[in-house]
Every structure is written in structure tokens, then in C-alpha cells.
Amino acid sequence: MPRDIIILACADCKRRNYNTTKNKKKHPAKMELKKYCPFCQTHVVHKETK
């Protein structure tokens, strides 16, 4: 299975807010996306966690 499920955590409050998938063969580095954090109530960078 080339796509794996990953969890995105807020960089400020460290809470895990989003689940998504990515192709680890094409993008081996950790993913960072700017998404809305409902706990911080602002748009913050979310980083891939285990």
C-alpha cells in the first residue's frame, strides 16, 4: 500500500487535530501544513507525528 495514514499535530498546543494520507515513496520527509486549530482558534502550522 503506497499511501499511509498520518496524524497532524498543532505546533503551538501539540494537540492532534487532523488525519490525512501521504505517499511515503514520493515524499519521505515529514509533512507540514498550515491548518485551523480549533483549540488555539487560529491558523497554525501542523506537523506530521507518529
C-alpha atoms as a PDB file:
ATOM      1  CA  MET A   1       0.000   0.000   0.000  1.00  0.00           C
ATOM      2  CA  PRO A   2       1.824   3.172  -1.137  1.00  0.00           C
ATOM      3  CA  ARG A   3      -0.318   5.637   0.873  1.00  0.00           C
ATOM      4  CA  ASP A   4      -0.050   5.701   4.653  1.00  0.00           C
ATOM      5  CA  ILE A   5      -2.289   7.393   7.204  1.00  0.00           C
ATOM      6  CA  ILE A   6      -0.551  10.186   9.116  1.00  0.00           C
ATOM      7  CA  ILE A   7      -1.624  12.382  12.033  1.00  0.00           C
ATOM      8  CA  LEU A   8      -1.103  16.148  12.056  1.00  0.00           C
ATOM      9  CA  ALA A   9      -0.469  17.899  15.390  1.00  0.00           C
ATOM     10  CA  CYS A  10      -0.583  21.617  16.139  1.00  0.00           C
ATOM     11  CA  ALA A  11       2.845  23.208  16.538  1.00  0.00           C
ATOM     12  CA  ASP A  12       1.615  25.512  19.354  1.00  0.00           C
ATOM     13  CA  CYS A  13      -0.616  23.388  21.612  1.00  0.00           C
ATOM     14  CA  LYS A  14       0.691  19.955  20.421  1.00  0.00           C
ATOM     15  CA  ARG A  15      -2.826  18.520  20.095  1.00  0.00           C
ATOM     16  CA  ARG A  16      -3.532  16.022  17.329  1.00  0.00           C
ATOM     17  CA  ASN A  17      -6.285  17.562  15.193  1.00  0.00           C
ATOM     18  CA  TYR A  18      -6.198  16.046  11.689  1.00  0.00           C
ATOM     19  CA  ASN A  19      -5.738  12.687   9.952  1.00  0.00           C
ATOM     20  CA  THR A  20      -4.660  12.508   6.312  1.00  0.00           C
ATOM     21  CA  THR A  21      -2.718  10.288   3.926  1.00  0.00           C
ATOM     22  CA  LYS A  22       0.521  10.722   2.031  1.00  0.00           C
ATOM     23  CA  ASN A  23       2.653   8.751  -0.393  1.00  0.00           C
ATOM     24  CA  LYS A  24       5.852   7.964   1.528  1.00  0.00           C
ATOM     25  CA  LYS A  25       7.709   6.841  -1.594  1.00  0.00           C
ATOM     26  CA  LYS A  26       7.356  10.257  -3.267  1.00  0.00           C
ATOM     27  CA  HIS A  27       7.558  12.403  -0.098  1.00  0.00           C
ATOM     28  CA  PRO A  28       9.753  10.756   2.558  1.00  0.00           C
ATOM     29  CA  ALA A  29      10.151  13.958   4.628  1.00  0.00           C
ATOM     30  CA  LYS A  30       7.707  14.950   7.359  1.00  0.00           C
ATOM     31  CA  MET A  31       4.743  16.967   6.146  1.00  0.00           C
ATOM     32  CA  GLU A  32       3.854  20.460   7.399  1.00  0.00           C
ATOM     33  CA  LEU A  33       0.561  22.159   6.575  1.00  0.00           C
ATOM     34  CA  LYS A  34      -0.992  25.398   7.761  1.00  0.00           C
ATOM     35  CA  LYS A  35      -4.440  24.444   9.053  1.00  0.00           C
ATOM     36  CA  TYR A  36      -7.037  25.733  11.515  1.00  0.00           C
ATOM     37  CA  CYS A  37      -6.615  24.633  15.142  1.00  0.00           C
ATOM     38  CA  PRO A  38      -9.962  24.660  16.994  1.00  0.00           C
ATOM     39  CA  PHE A  39      -8.198  24.811  20.378  1.00  0.00           C
ATOM     40  CA  CYS A  40      -5.943  27.785  19.509  1.00  0.00           C
ATOM     41  CA  GLN A  41      -8.752  29.277  17.383  1.00  0.00           C
ATOM     42  CA  THR A  42      -6.318  30.389  14.678  1.00  0.00           C
ATOM     43  CA  HIS A  43      -4.468  29.063  11.637  1.00  0.00           C
ATOM     44  CA  VAL A  44      -1.247  27.384  12.763  1.00  0.00           C
ATOM     45  CA  VAL A  45       1.366  25.110  11.191  1.00  0.00           C
ATOM     46  CA  HIS A  46       0.513  21.447  11.802  1.00  0.00           C
ATOM     47  CA  LYS A  47       3.339  18.893  11.681  1.00  0.00           C
ATOM     48  CA  GLU A  48       3.262  15.174  10.966  1.00  0.00           C
ATOM     49  CA  THR A  49       3.523  12.984  14.079  1.00  0.00           C
ATOM     50  CA  LYS A  50       3.663   9.265  14.707  1.00  0.00           C
END
